Amino acid sequence: MQIQLNTDNHVHGEASLATWVESELKDRLARFRDHVTRIEVHLSDVNAARTDGQDKRCKLEARLAGRQPVAVQHDAAKVAEAVHGAADKLARLLDTTLGRAKDAKGRESIRGA
């Protein structure tokens, strides 16, 4: 699973941030590694210089092998909270999306193959 980090001008995208985001996403989404080829991470500060409330946004777009990409976003007061919230949403979405491709006994369904 490849992780690609993109930030706007108001989020400092240093190497340590990229390393941390990659580690967090790989840990939280490890069970999907056989199905997800790439995750694009977009971090932004919605209100720029103002600091009022939920102004950090994390958008995650997951590229799935043989399927259409899926995307989620989460807004929070801090970058770490936004990343964790988006990762949790993505895990639930992947559970739903990939779960539909399996039958009751865990086999790939005809529609999902």
PDB file of N, CA and C in Angstrom:
ATOM      1  N   MET A   1       0.847  -1.170   0.000  1.00  0.00           N
ATOM      2  CA  MET A   1       0.000   0.000   0.000  1.00  0.00           C
ATOM      3  C   MET A   1       0.893   1.234   0.000  1.00  0.00           C
ATOM      4  N   GLN A   2       0.703   2.062  -0.990  1.00  0.00           N
ATOM      5  CA  GLN A   2       1.487   3.283  -1.128  1.00  0.00           C
ATOM      6  C   GLN A   2       0.696   4.450  -0.542  1.00  0.00           C
ATOM      7  N   ILE A   3       1.379   5.334   0.201  1.00  0.00           N
ATOM      8  CA  ILE A   3       0.747   6.504   0.810  1.00  0.00           C
ATOM      9  C   ILE A   3       1.361   7.747   0.183  1.00  0.00           C
ATOM     10  N   GLN A   4       0.519   8.646  -0.328  1.00  0.00           N
ATOM     11  CA  GLN A   4       0.990   9.892  -0.928  1.00  0.00           C
ATOM     12  C   GLN A   4       0.378  11.048  -0.148  1.00  0.00           C
ATOM     13  N   LEU A   5       1.220  11.933   0.398  1.00  0.00           N
ATOM     14  CA  LEU A   5       0.764  13.051   1.225  1.00  0.00           C
ATOM     15  C   LEU A   5       0.832  14.356   0.445  1.00  0.00           C
ATOM     16  N   ASN A   6      -0.265  15.113   0.488  1.00  0.00           N
ATOM     17  CA  ASN A   6      -0.337  16.444  -0.112  1.00  0.00           C
ATOM     18  C   ASN A   6      -0.825  17.408   0.959  1.00  0.00           C
ATOM     19  N   THR A   7      -0.199  18.579   1.061  1.00  0.00           N
ATOM     20  CA  THR A   7      -0.624  19.576   2.036  1.00  0.00           C
ATOM     21  C   THR A   7      -0.812  20.917   1.348  1.00  0.00           C
ATOM     22  N   ASP A   8      -1.630  21.781   1.950  1.00  0.00           N
ATOM     23  CA  ASP A   8      -1.763  23.130   1.414  1.00  0.00           C
ATOM     24  C   ASP A   8      -0.673  24.012   2.034  1.00  0.00           C
ATOM     25  N   ASN A   9      -0.709  25.296   1.731  1.00  0.00           N
ATOM     26  CA  ASN A   9       0.340  26.215   2.210  1.00  0.00           C
ATOM     27  C   ASN A   9       0.284  26.475   3.710  1.00  0.00           C
ATOM     28  N   HIS A  10      -0.820  26.097   4.364  1.00  0.00           N
ATOM     29  CA  HIS A  10      -0.982  26.395   5.784  1.00  0.00           C
ATOM     30  C   HIS A  10      -0.706  25.192   6.681  1.00  0.00           C
ATOM     31  N   VAL A  11      -0.434  24.057   6.100  1.00  0.00           N
ATOM     32  CA  VAL A  11      -0.054  22.862   6.866  1.00  0.00           C
ATOM     33  C   VAL A  11       1.384  22.544   6.490  1.00  0.00           C
ATOM     34  N   HIS A  12       2.237  22.518   7.492  1.00  0.00           N
ATOM     35  CA  HIS A  12       3.652  22.278   7.238  1.00  0.00           C
ATOM     36  C   HIS A  12       3.872  20.800   6.945  1.00  0.00           C
ATOM     37  N   GLY A  13       4.176  20.474   5.680  1.00  0.00           N
ATOM     38  CA  GLY A  13       4.341  19.086   5.250  1.00  0.00           C
ATOM     39  C   GLY A  13       5.779  18.628   5.316  1.00  0.00           C
ATOM     40  N   GLU A  14       6.321  18.608   6.496  1.00  0.00           N
ATOM     41  CA  GLU A  14       7.702  18.175   6.682  1.00  0.00           C
ATOM     42  C   GLU A  14       7.806  16.657   6.580  1.00  0.00           C
ATOM     43  N   ALA A  15       9.016  16.172   6.477  1.00  0.00           N
ATOM     44  CA  ALA A  15       9.258  14.727   6.359  1.00  0.00           C
ATOM     45  C   ALA A  15       8.718  13.977   7.575  1.00  0.00           C
ATOM     46  N   SER A  16       8.803  14.564   8.745  1.00  0.00           N
ATOM     47  CA  SER A  16       8.311  13.888   9.948  1.00  0.00           C
ATOM     48  C   SER A  16       6.792  13.717   9.897  1.00  0.00           C
ATOM     49  N   LEU A  17       6.082  14.690   9.343  1.00  0.00           N
ATOM     50  CA  LEU A  17       4.636  14.574   9.195  1.00  0.00           C
ATOM     51  C   LEU A  17       4.298  13.454   8.222  1.00  0.00           C
ATOM     52  N   ALA A  18       4.992  13.391   7.107  1.00  0.00           N
ATOM     53  CA  ALA A  18       4.749  12.346   6.112  1.00  0.00           C
ATOM     54  C   ALA A  18       5.010  10.964   6.702  1.00  0.00           C
ATOM     55  N   THR A  19       6.075  10.825   7.461  1.00  0.00           N
ATOM     56  CA  THR A  19       6.411   9.549   8.094  1.00  0.00           C
ATOM     57  C   THR A  19       5.339   9.151   9.099  1.00  0.00           C
ATOM     58  N   TRP A  20       4.885  10.118   9.909  1.00  0.00           N
ATOM     59  CA  TRP A  20       3.862   9.837  10.910  1.00  0.00           C
ATOM     60  C   TRP A  20       2.538   9.438  10.250  1.00  0.00           C
ATOM     61  N   VAL A  21       2.100  10.183   9.235  1.00  0.00           N
ATOM     62  CA  VAL A  21       0.843   9.887   8.552  1.00  0.00           C
ATOM     63  C   VAL A  21       0.909   8.498   7.922  1.00  0.00           C
ATOM     64  N   GLU A  22       2.013   8.182   7.263  1.00  0.00           N
ATOM     65  CA  GLU A  22       2.163   6.874   6.634  1.00  0.00           C
ATOM     66  C   GLU A  22       2.087   5.756   7.669  1.00  0.00           C
ATOM     67  N   SER A  23       2.759   5.927   8.784  1.00  0.00           N
ATOM     68  CA  SER A  23       2.750   4.922   9.844  1.00  0.00           C
ATOM     69  C   SER A  23       1.344   4.733  10.418  1.00  0.00           C
ATOM     70  N   GLU A  24       0.653   5.839  10.692  1.00  0.00           N
ATOM     71  CA  GLU A  24      -0.695   5.771  11.258  1.00  0.00           C
ATOM     72  C   GLU A  24      -1.662   5.062  10.314  1.00  0.00           C
ATOM     73  N   LEU A  25      -1.626   5.423   9.047  1.00  0.00           N
ATOM     74  CA  LEU A  25      -2.560   4.825   8.092  1.00  0.00           C
ATOM     75  C   LEU A  25      -2.257   3.352   7.851  1.00  0.00           C
ATOM     76  N   LYS A  26      -0.998   3.010   7.749  1.00  0.00           N
ATOM     77  CA  LYS A  26      -0.654   1.595   7.544  1.00  0.00           C
ATOM     78  C   LYS A  26      -1.063   0.752   8.746  1.00  0.00           C
ATOM     79  N   ASP A  27      -0.911   1.291   9.954  1.00  0.00           N
ATOM     80  CA  ASP A  27      -1.330   0.561  11.151  1.00  0.00           C
ATOM     81  C   ASP A  27      -2.848   0.407  11.202  1.00  0.00           C
ATOM     82  N   ARG A  28      -3.573   1.485  10.980  1.00  0.00           N
ATOM     83  CA  ARG A  28      -5.030   1.472  11.108  1.00  0.00           C
ATOM     84  C   ARG A  28      -5.718   0.718   9.971  1.00  0.00           C
ATOM     85  N   LEU A  29      -5.081   0.672   8.794  1.00  0.00           N
ATOM     86  CA  LEU A  29      -5.719   0.061   7.622  1.00  0.00           C
ATOM     87  C   LEU A  29      -4.999  -1.201   7.155  1.00  0.00           C
ATOM     88  N   ALA A  30      -4.215  -1.812   8.026  1.00  0.00           N
ATOM     89  CA  ALA A  30      -3.395  -2.975   7.654  1.00  0.00           C
ATOM     90  C   ALA A  30      -4.219  -4.120   7.091  1.00  0.00           C
ATOM     91  N   ARG A  31      -5.410  -4.312   7.613  1.00  0.00           N
ATOM     92  CA  ARG A  31      -6.211  -5.460   7.157  1.00  0.00           C
ATOM     93  C   ARG A  31      -6.701  -5.307   5.723  1.00  0.00           C
ATOM     94  N   PHE A  32      -6.572  -4.120   5.145  1.00  0.00           N
ATOM     95  CA  PHE A  32      -7.007  -3.878   3.769  1.00  0.00           C
ATOM     96  C   PHE A  32      -5.848  -3.837   2.777  1.00  0.00           C
ATOM     97  N   ARG A  33      -4.634  -4.124   3.235  1.00  0.00           N
ATOM     98  CA  ARG A  33      -3.453  -3.942   2.391  1.00  0.00           C
ATOM     99  C   ARG A  33      -3.485  -4.769   1.104  1.00  0.00           C
ATOM    100  N   ASP A  34      -4.206  -5.889   1.092  1.00  0.00           N
ATOM    101  CA  ASP A  34      -4.294  -6.695  -0.125  1.00  0.00           C
ATOM    102  C   ASP A  34      -5.265  -6.106  -1.142  1.00  0.00           C
ATOM    103  N   HIS A  35      -6.110  -5.180  -0.716  1.00  0.00           N
ATOM    104  CA  HIS A  35      -7.120  -4.611  -1.594  1.00  0.00           C
ATOM    105  C   HIS A  35      -6.834  -3.163  -1.998  1.00  0.00           C
ATOM    106  N   VAL A  36      -6.068  -2.446  -1.183  1.00  0.00           N
ATOM    107  CA  VAL A  36      -5.791  -1.024  -1.429  1.00  0.00           C
ATOM    108  C   VAL A  36      -4.398  -0.891  -2.033  1.00  0.00           C
ATOM    109  N   THR A  37      -4.327  -0.266  -3.214  1.00  0.00           N
ATOM    110  CA  THR A  37      -3.025  -0.083  -3.850  1.00  0.00           C
ATOM    111  C   THR A  37      -2.370   1.230  -3.436  1.00  0.00           C
ATOM    112  N   ARG A  38      -3.202   2.282  -3.242  1.00  0.00           N
ATOM    113  CA  ARG A  38      -2.637   3.586  -2.886  1.00  0.00           C
ATOM    114  C   ARG A  38      -3.666   4.390  -2.110  1.00  0.00           C
ATOM    115  N   ILE A  39      -3.169   5.196  -1.182  1.00  0.00           N
ATOM    116  CA  ILE A  39      -4.014   6.149  -0.466  1.00  0.00           C
ATOM    117  C   ILE A  39      -3.414   7.527  -0.662  1.00  0.00           C
ATOM    118  N   GLU A  40      -4.228   8.442  -1.172  1.00  0.00           N
ATOM    119  CA  GLU A  40      -3.822   9.839  -1.306  1.00  0.00           C
ATOM    120  C   GLU A  40      -4.373  10.602  -0.117  1.00  0.00           C
ATOM    121  N   VAL A  41      -3.495  11.308   0.581  1.00  0.00           N
ATOM    122  CA  VAL A  41      -3.854  12.075   1.764  1.00  0.00           C
ATOM    123  C   VAL A  41      -3.747  13.552   1.414  1.00  0.00           C
ATOM    124  N   HIS A  42      -4.820  14.300   1.665  1.00  0.00           N
ATOM    125  CA  HIS A  42      -4.833  15.744   1.426  1.00  0.00           C
ATOM    126  C   HIS A  42      -5.125  16.427   2.755  1.00  0.00           C
ATOM    127  N   LEU A  43      -4.117  17.129   3.291  1.00  0.00           N
ATOM    128  CA  LEU A  43      -4.269  17.864   4.538  1.00  0.00           C
ATOM    129  C   LEU A  43      -4.369  19.343   4.235  1.00  0.00           C
ATOM    130  N   SER A  44      -5.358  20.006   4.838  1.00  0.00           N
ATOM    131  CA  SER A  44      -5.519  21.438   4.595  1.00  0.00           C
ATOM    132  C   SER A  44      -6.025  22.134   5.843  1.00  0.00           C
ATOM    133  N   ASP A  45      -5.798  23.436   5.874  1.00  0.00           N
ATOM    134  CA  ASP A  45      -6.298  24.304   6.933  1.00  0.00           C
ATOM    135  C   ASP A  45      -7.414  25.124   6.302  1.00  0.00           C
ATOM    136  N   VAL A  46      -8.643  24.809   6.638  1.00  0.00           N
ATOM    137  CA  VAL A  46      -9.804  25.400   5.986  1.00  0.00           C
ATOM    138  C   VAL A  46      -9.879  26.908   6.215  1.00  0.00           C
ATOM    139  N   ASN A  47      -9.570  27.368   7.422  1.00  0.00           N
ATOM    140  CA  ASN A  47      -9.689  28.786   7.757  1.00  0.00           C
ATOM    141  C   ASN A  47      -8.368  29.534   7.704  1.00  0.00           C
ATOM    142  N   ALA A  48      -7.339  28.933   7.142  1.00  0.00           N
ATOM    143  CA  ALA A  48      -6.017  29.552   6.999  1.00  0.00           C
ATOM    144  C   ALA A  48      -5.492  30.053   8.334  1.00  0.00           C
ATOM    145  N   ALA A  49      -5.269  31.337   8.473  1.00  0.00           N
ATOM    146  CA  ALA A  49      -4.606  31.890   9.653  1.00  0.00           C
ATOM    147  C   ALA A  49      -5.514  31.944  10.887  1.00  0.00           C
ATOM    148  N   ARG A  50      -6.825  31.936  10.707  1.00  0.00           N
ATOM    149  CA  ARG A  50      -7.734  31.979  11.857  1.00  0.00           C
ATOM    150  C   ARG A  50      -7.712  30.635  12.575  1.00  0.00           C
ATOM    151  N   THR A  51      -7.858  30.701  13.874  1.00  0.00           N
ATOM    152  CA  THR A  51      -7.838  29.472  14.663  1.00  0.00           C
ATOM    153  C   THR A  51      -9.145  29.328  15.424  1.00  0.00           C
ATOM    154  N   ASP A  52     -10.187  28.981  14.710  1.00  0.00           N
ATOM    155  CA  ASP A  52     -11.475  28.829  15.378  1.00  0.00           C
ATOM    156  C   ASP A  52     -12.096  27.476  15.037  1.00  0.00           C
ATOM    157  N   GLY A  53     -12.007  26.565  15.991  1.00  0.00           N
ATOM    158  CA  GLY A  53     -12.715  25.299  15.875  1.00  0.00           C
ATOM    159  C   GLY A  53     -12.126  24.273  14.945  1.00  0.00           C
ATOM    160  N   GLN A  54     -12.999  23.644  14.171  1.00  0.00           N
ATOM    161  CA  GLN A  54     -12.674  22.494  13.336  1.00  0.00           C
ATOM    162  C   GLN A  54     -12.098  22.942  11.993  1.00  0.00           C
ATOM    163  N   ASP A  55     -10.896  23.484  11.976  1.00  0.00           N
ATOM    164  CA  ASP A  55     -10.375  24.047  10.732  1.00  0.00           C
ATOM    165  C   ASP A  55      -9.316  23.197  10.028  1.00  0.00           C
ATOM    166  N   LYS A  56      -8.950  22.062  10.599  1.00  0.00           N
ATOM    167  CA  LYS A  56      -8.003  21.149   9.935  1.00  0.00           C
ATOM    168  C   LYS A  56      -8.808  20.070   9.218  1.00  0.00           C
ATOM    169  N   ARG A  57      -8.520  19.839   7.947  1.00  0.00           N
ATOM    170  CA  ARG A  57      -9.266  18.849   7.155  1.00  0.00           C
ATOM    171  C   ARG A  57      -8.315  17.804   6.607  1.00  0.00           C
ATOM    172  N   CYS A  58      -8.728  16.556   6.710  1.00  0.00           N
ATOM    173  CA  CYS A  58      -8.002  15.447   6.119  1.00  0.00           C
ATOM    174  C   CYS A  58      -8.942  14.731   5.152  1.00  0.00           C
ATOM    175  N   LYS A  59      -8.557  14.688   3.890  1.00  0.00           N
ATOM    176  CA  LYS A  59      -9.286  13.926   2.883  1.00  0.00           C
ATOM    177  C   LYS A  59      -8.438  12.719   2.523  1.00  0.00           C
ATOM    178  N   LEU A  60      -9.050  11.553   2.502  1.00  0.00           N
ATOM    179  CA  LEU A  60      -8.360  10.329   2.116  1.00  0.00           C
ATOM    180  C   LEU A  60      -9.062   9.741   0.906  1.00  0.00           C
ATOM    181  N   GLU A  61      -8.290   9.431  -0.113  1.00  0.00           N
ATOM    182  CA  GLU A  61      -8.821   8.753  -1.290  1.00  0.00           C
ATOM    183  C   GLU A  61      -8.068   7.444  -1.445  1.00  0.00           C
ATOM    184  N   ALA A  62      -8.804   6.345  -1.357  1.00  0.00           N
ATOM    185  CA  ALA A  62      -8.194   5.021  -1.458  1.00  0.00           C
ATOM    186  C   ALA A  62      -8.435   4.460  -2.845  1.00  0.00           C
ATOM    187  N   ARG A  63      -7.357   4.014  -3.482  1.00  0.00           N
ATOM    188  CA  ARG A  63      -7.435   3.341  -4.782  1.00  0.00           C
ATOM    189  C   ARG A  63      -7.488   1.844  -4.514  1.00  0.00           C
ATOM    190  N   LEU A  64      -8.573   1.234  -4.957  1.00  0.00           N
ATOM    191  CA  LEU A  64      -8.780  -0.194  -4.724  1.00  0.00           C
ATOM    192  C   LEU A  64      -8.449  -0.985  -5.979  1.00  0.00           C
ATOM    193  N   ALA A  65      -7.830  -2.134  -5.807  1.00  0.00           N
ATOM    194  CA  ALA A  65      -7.480  -3.000  -6.935  1.00  0.00           C
ATOM    195  C   ALA A  65      -8.757  -3.482  -7.614  1.00  0.00           C
ATOM    196  N   GLY A  66      -8.908  -3.155  -8.887  1.00  0.00           N
ATOM    197  CA  GLY A  66     -10.036  -3.624  -9.676  1.00  0.00           C
ATOM    198  C   GLY A  66     -11.360  -2.962  -9.368  1.00  0.00           C
ATOM    199  N   ARG A  67     -11.359  -1.837  -8.642  1.00  0.00           N
ATOM    200  CA  ARG A  67     -12.593  -1.137  -8.267  1.00  0.00           C
ATOM    201  C   ARG A  67     -12.409   0.366  -8.389  1.00  0.00           C
ATOM    202  N   GLN A  68     -13.514   1.061  -8.294  1.00  0.00           N
ATOM    203  CA  GLN A  68     -13.483   2.513  -8.286  1.00  0.00           C
ATOM    204  C   GLN A  68     -12.878   3.014  -6.968  1.00  0.00           C
ATOM    205  N   PRO A  69     -12.201   4.167  -6.997  1.00  0.00           N
ATOM    206  CA  PRO A  69     -11.663   4.728  -5.756  1.00  0.00           C
ATOM    207  C   PRO A  69     -12.793   5.160  -4.813  1.00  0.00           C
ATOM    208  N   VAL A  70     -12.496   5.195  -3.533  1.00  0.00           N
ATOM    209  CA  VAL A  70     -13.430   5.684  -2.530  1.00  0.00           C
ATOM    210  C   VAL A  70     -12.744   6.803  -1.750  1.00  0.00           C
ATOM    211  N   ALA A  71     -13.548   7.740  -1.226  1.00  0.00           N
ATOM    212  CA  ALA A  71     -12.972   8.886  -0.525  1.00  0.00           C
ATOM    213  C   ALA A  71     -13.801   9.258   0.694  1.00  0.00           C
ATOM    214  N   VAL A  72     -13.112   9.795   1.702  1.00  0.00           N
ATOM    215  CA  VAL A  72     -13.740  10.305   2.919  1.00  0.00           C
ATOM    216  C   VAL A  72     -13.000  11.565   3.340  1.00  0.00           C
ATOM    217  N   GLN A  73     -13.638  12.338   4.228  1.00  0.00           N
ATOM    218  CA  GLN A  73     -12.946  13.484   4.808  1.00  0.00           C
ATOM    219  C   GLN A  73     -13.411  13.671   6.233  1.00  0.00           C
ATOM    220  N   HIS A  74     -12.537  14.303   7.027  1.00  0.00           N
ATOM    221  CA  HIS A  74     -12.872  14.575   8.425  1.00  0.00           C
ATOM    222  C   HIS A  74     -12.245  15.909   8.807  1.00  0.00           C
ATOM    223  N   ASP A  75     -13.019  16.747   9.496  1.00  0.00           N
ATOM    224  CA  ASP A  75     -12.545  18.029   9.993  1.00  0.00           C
ATOM    225  C   ASP A  75     -12.354  17.941  11.499  1.00  0.00           C
ATOM    226  N   ALA A  76     -11.304  18.570  12.006  1.00  0.00           N
ATOM    227  CA  ALA A  76     -11.019  18.556  13.440  1.00  0.00           C
ATOM    228  C   ALA A  76     -10.190  19.787  13.802  1.00  0.00           C
ATOM    229  N   ALA A  77      -9.951  19.952  15.085  1.00  0.00           N
ATOM    230  CA  ALA A  77      -9.175  21.089  15.570  1.00  0.00           C
ATOM    231  C   ALA A  77      -7.675  20.914  15.326  1.00  0.00           C
ATOM    232  N   LYS A  78      -7.212  19.668  15.289  1.00  0.00           N
ATOM    233  CA  LYS A  78      -5.787  19.384  15.096  1.00  0.00           C
ATOM    234  C   LYS A  78      -5.602  18.418  13.936  1.00  0.00           C
ATOM    235  N   VAL A  79      -4.438  18.473  13.311  1.00  0.00           N
ATOM    236  CA  VAL A  79      -4.136  17.604  12.174  1.00  0.00           C
ATOM    237  C   VAL A  79      -4.231  16.137  12.579  1.00  0.00           C
ATOM    238  N   ALA A  80      -3.678  15.778  13.723  1.00  0.00           N
ATOM    239  CA  ALA A  80      -3.694  14.381  14.166  1.00  0.00           C
ATOM    240  C   ALA A  80      -5.122  13.877  14.338  1.00  0.00           C
ATOM    241  N   GLU A  81      -5.995  14.705  14.904  1.00  0.00           N
ATOM    242  CA  GLU A  81      -7.394  14.312  15.086  1.00  0.00           C
ATOM    243  C   GLU A  81      -8.090  14.144  13.738  1.00  0.00           C
ATOM    244  N   ALA A  82      -7.767  15.017  12.793  1.00  0.00           N
ATOM    245  CA  ALA A  82      -8.365  14.929  11.455  1.00  0.00           C
ATOM    246  C   ALA A  82      -7.920  13.649  10.750  1.00  0.00           C
ATOM    247  N   VAL A  83      -6.645  13.297  10.870  1.00  0.00           N
ATOM    248  CA  VAL A  83      -6.122  12.077  10.251  1.00  0.00           C
ATOM    249  C   VAL A  83      -6.774  10.843  10.884  1.00  0.00           C
ATOM    250  N   HIS A  84      -6.848  10.805  12.210  1.00  0.00           N
ATOM    251  CA  HIS A  84      -7.453   9.659  12.893  1.00  0.00           C
ATOM    252  C   HIS A  84      -8.934   9.517  12.537  1.00  0.00           C
ATOM    253  N   GLY A  85      -9.652  10.639  12.510  1.00  0.00           N
ATOM    254  CA  GLY A  85     -11.071  10.598  12.165  1.00  0.00           C
ATOM    255  C   GLY A  85     -11.303  10.111  10.744  1.00  0.00           C
ATOM    256  N   ALA A  86     -10.501  10.612   9.803  1.00  0.00           N
ATOM    257  CA  ALA A  86     -10.632  10.186   8.408  1.00  0.00           C
ATOM    258  C   ALA A  86     -10.249   8.718   8.244  1.00  0.00           C
ATOM    259  N   ALA A  87      -9.214   8.271   8.953  1.00  0.00           N
ATOM    260  CA  ALA A  87      -8.796   6.864   8.868  1.00  0.00           C
ATOM    261  C   ALA A  87      -9.900   5.946   9.389  1.00  0.00           C
ATOM    262  N   ASP A  88     -10.566   6.338  10.476  1.00  0.00           N
ATOM    263  CA  ASP A  88     -11.668   5.540  11.013  1.00  0.00           C
ATOM    264  C   ASP A  88     -12.825   5.473  10.013  1.00  0.00           C
ATOM    265  N   LYS A  89     -13.148   6.612   9.399  1.00  0.00           N
ATOM    266  CA  LYS A  89     -14.214   6.632   8.392  1.00  0.00           C
ATOM    267  C   LYS A  89     -13.858   5.761   7.194  1.00  0.00           C
ATOM    268  N   LEU A  90     -12.594   5.834   6.769  1.00  0.00           N
ATOM    269  CA  LEU A  90     -12.168   5.034   5.620  1.00  0.00           C
ATOM    270  C   LEU A  90     -12.234   3.543   5.944  1.00  0.00           C
ATOM    271  N   ALA A  91     -11.848   3.166   7.148  1.00  0.00           N
ATOM    272  CA  ALA A  91     -11.916   1.755   7.541  1.00  0.00           C
ATOM    273  C   ALA A  91     -13.356   1.252   7.487  1.00  0.00           C
ATOM    274  N   ARG A  92     -14.293   2.053   7.991  1.00  0.00           N
ATOM    275  CA  ARG A  92     -15.708   1.653   7.939  1.00  0.00           C
ATOM    276  C   ARG A  92     -16.202   1.551   6.495  1.00  0.00           C
ATOM    277  N   LEU A  93     -15.797   2.510   5.653  1.00  0.00           N
ATOM    278  CA  LEU A  93     -16.213   2.486   4.253  1.00  0.00           C
ATOM    279  C   LEU A  93     -15.627   1.277   3.521  1.00  0.00           C
ATOM    280  N   LEU A  94     -14.363   0.966   3.781  1.00  0.00           N
ATOM    281  CA  LEU A  94     -13.744  -0.198   3.145  1.00  0.00           C
ATOM    282  C   LEU A  94     -14.386  -1.495   3.626  1.00  0.00           C
ATOM    283  N   ASP A  95     -14.725  -1.566   4.915  1.00  0.00           N
ATOM    284  CA  ASP A  95     -15.441  -2.735   5.427  1.00  0.00           C
ATOM    285  C   ASP A  95     -16.738  -2.943   4.661  1.00  0.00           C
ATOM    286  N   THR A  96     -17.470  -1.860   4.467  1.00  0.00           N
ATOM    287  CA  THR A  96     -18.745  -1.934   3.754  1.00  0.00           C
ATOM    288  C   THR A  96     -18.534  -2.279   2.288  1.00  0.00           C
ATOM    289  N   THR A  97     -17.634  -1.575   1.635  1.00  0.00           N
ATOM    290  CA  THR A  97     -17.403  -1.766   0.198  1.00  0.00           C
ATOM    291  C   THR A  97     -16.869  -3.150  -0.110  1.00  0.00           C
ATOM    292  N   LEU A  98     -15.856  -3.576   0.611  1.00  0.00           N
ATOM    293  CA  LEU A  98     -15.247  -4.876   0.345  1.00  0.00           C
ATOM    294  C   LEU A  98     -16.085  -6.020   0.909  1.00  0.00           C
ATOM    295  N   GLY A  99     -16.850  -5.759   1.953  1.00  0.00           N
ATOM    296  CA  GLY A  99     -17.706  -6.774   2.531  1.00  0.00           C
ATOM    297  C   GLY A  99     -18.821  -7.193   1.595  1.00  0.00           C
ATOM    298  N   ARG A 100     -19.278  -6.264   0.760  1.00  0.00           N
ATOM    299  CA  ARG A 100     -20.325  -6.575  -0.204  1.00  0.00           C
ATOM    300  C   ARG A 100     -19.849  -7.552  -1.264  1.00  0.00           C
ATOM    301  N   ALA A 101     -18.547  -7.647  -1.447  1.00  0.00           N
ATOM    302  CA  ALA A 101     -18.001  -8.525  -2.475  1.00  0.00           C
ATOM    303  C   ALA A 101     -17.857  -9.965  -1.980  1.00  0.00           C
ATOM    304  N   LYS A 102     -18.211 -10.218  -0.735  1.00  0.00           N
ATOM    305  CA  LYS A 102     -18.076 -11.564  -0.176  1.00  0.00           C
ATOM    306  C   LYS A 102     -19.455 -12.132   0.135  1.00  0.00           C
ATOM    307  N   ASP A 103     -19.578 -13.424   0.002  1.00  0.00           N
ATOM    308  CA  ASP A 103     -20.843 -14.059   0.366  1.00  0.00           C
ATOM    309  C   ASP A 103     -20.821 -14.426   1.850  1.00  0.00           C
ATOM    310  N   ALA A 104     -21.833 -15.091   2.312  1.00  0.00           N
ATOM    311  CA  ALA A 104     -21.961 -15.402   3.736  1.00  0.00           C
ATOM    312  C   ALA A 104     -20.826 -16.275   4.266  1.00  0.00           C
ATOM    313  N   LYS A 105     -20.187 -17.033   3.394  1.00  0.00           N
ATOM    314  CA  LYS A 105     -19.103 -17.923   3.850  1.00  0.00           C
ATOM    315  C   LYS A 105     -17.710 -17.314   3.597  1.00  0.00           C
ATOM    316  N   GLY A 106     -17.665 -16.016   3.250  1.00  0.00           N
ATOM    317  CA  GLY A 106     -16.388 -15.357   3.064  1.00  0.00           C
ATOM    318  C   GLY A 106     -15.754 -15.542   1.711  1.00  0.00           C
ATOM    319  N   ARG A 107     -16.495 -16.144   0.759  1.00  0.00           N
ATOM    320  CA  ARG A 107     -15.952 -16.343  -0.588  1.00  0.00           C
ATOM    321  C   ARG A 107     -16.271 -15.134  -1.447  1.00  0.00           C
ATOM    322  N   GLU A 108     -15.437 -14.878  -2.426  1.00  0.00           N
ATOM    323  CA  GLU A 108     -15.693 -13.786  -3.365  1.00  0.00           C
ATOM    324  C   GLU A 108     -16.987 -14.059  -4.114  1.00  0.00           C
ATOM    325  N   SER A 109     -17.832 -13.067  -4.210  1.00  0.00           N
ATOM    326  CA  SER A 109     -19.069 -13.239  -4.956  1.00  0.00           C
ATOM    327  C   SER A 109     -18.819 -13.020  -6.439  1.00  0.00           C
ATOM    328  N   ILE A 110     -19.757 -13.405  -7.247  1.00  0.00           N
ATOM    329  CA  ILE A 110     -19.605 -13.253  -8.703  1.00  0.00           C
ATOM    330  C   ILE A 110     -19.564 -11.774  -9.060  1.00  0.00           C
ATOM    331  N   ARG A 111     -20.435 -10.967  -8.420  1.00  0.00           N
ATOM    332  CA  ARG A 111     -20.442  -9.523  -8.716  1.00  0.00           C
ATOM    333  C   ARG A 111     -19.162  -8.854  -8.309  1.00  0.00           C
ATOM    334  N   GLY A 112     -18.554  -9.272  -7.213  1.00  0.00           N
ATOM    335  CA  GLY A 112     -17.355  -8.624  -6.712  1.00  0.00           C
ATOM    336  C   GLY A 112     -16.085  -9.073  -7.402  1.00  0.00           C
ATOM    337  N   ALA A 113     -16.129 -10.160  -8.142  1.00  0.00           N
ATOM    338  CA  ALA A 113     -14.919 -10.697  -8.768  1.00  0.00           C
ATOM    339  C   ALA A 113     -14.566  -9.952 -10.021  1.00  0.00           C
TER     340      ALA A 113
END
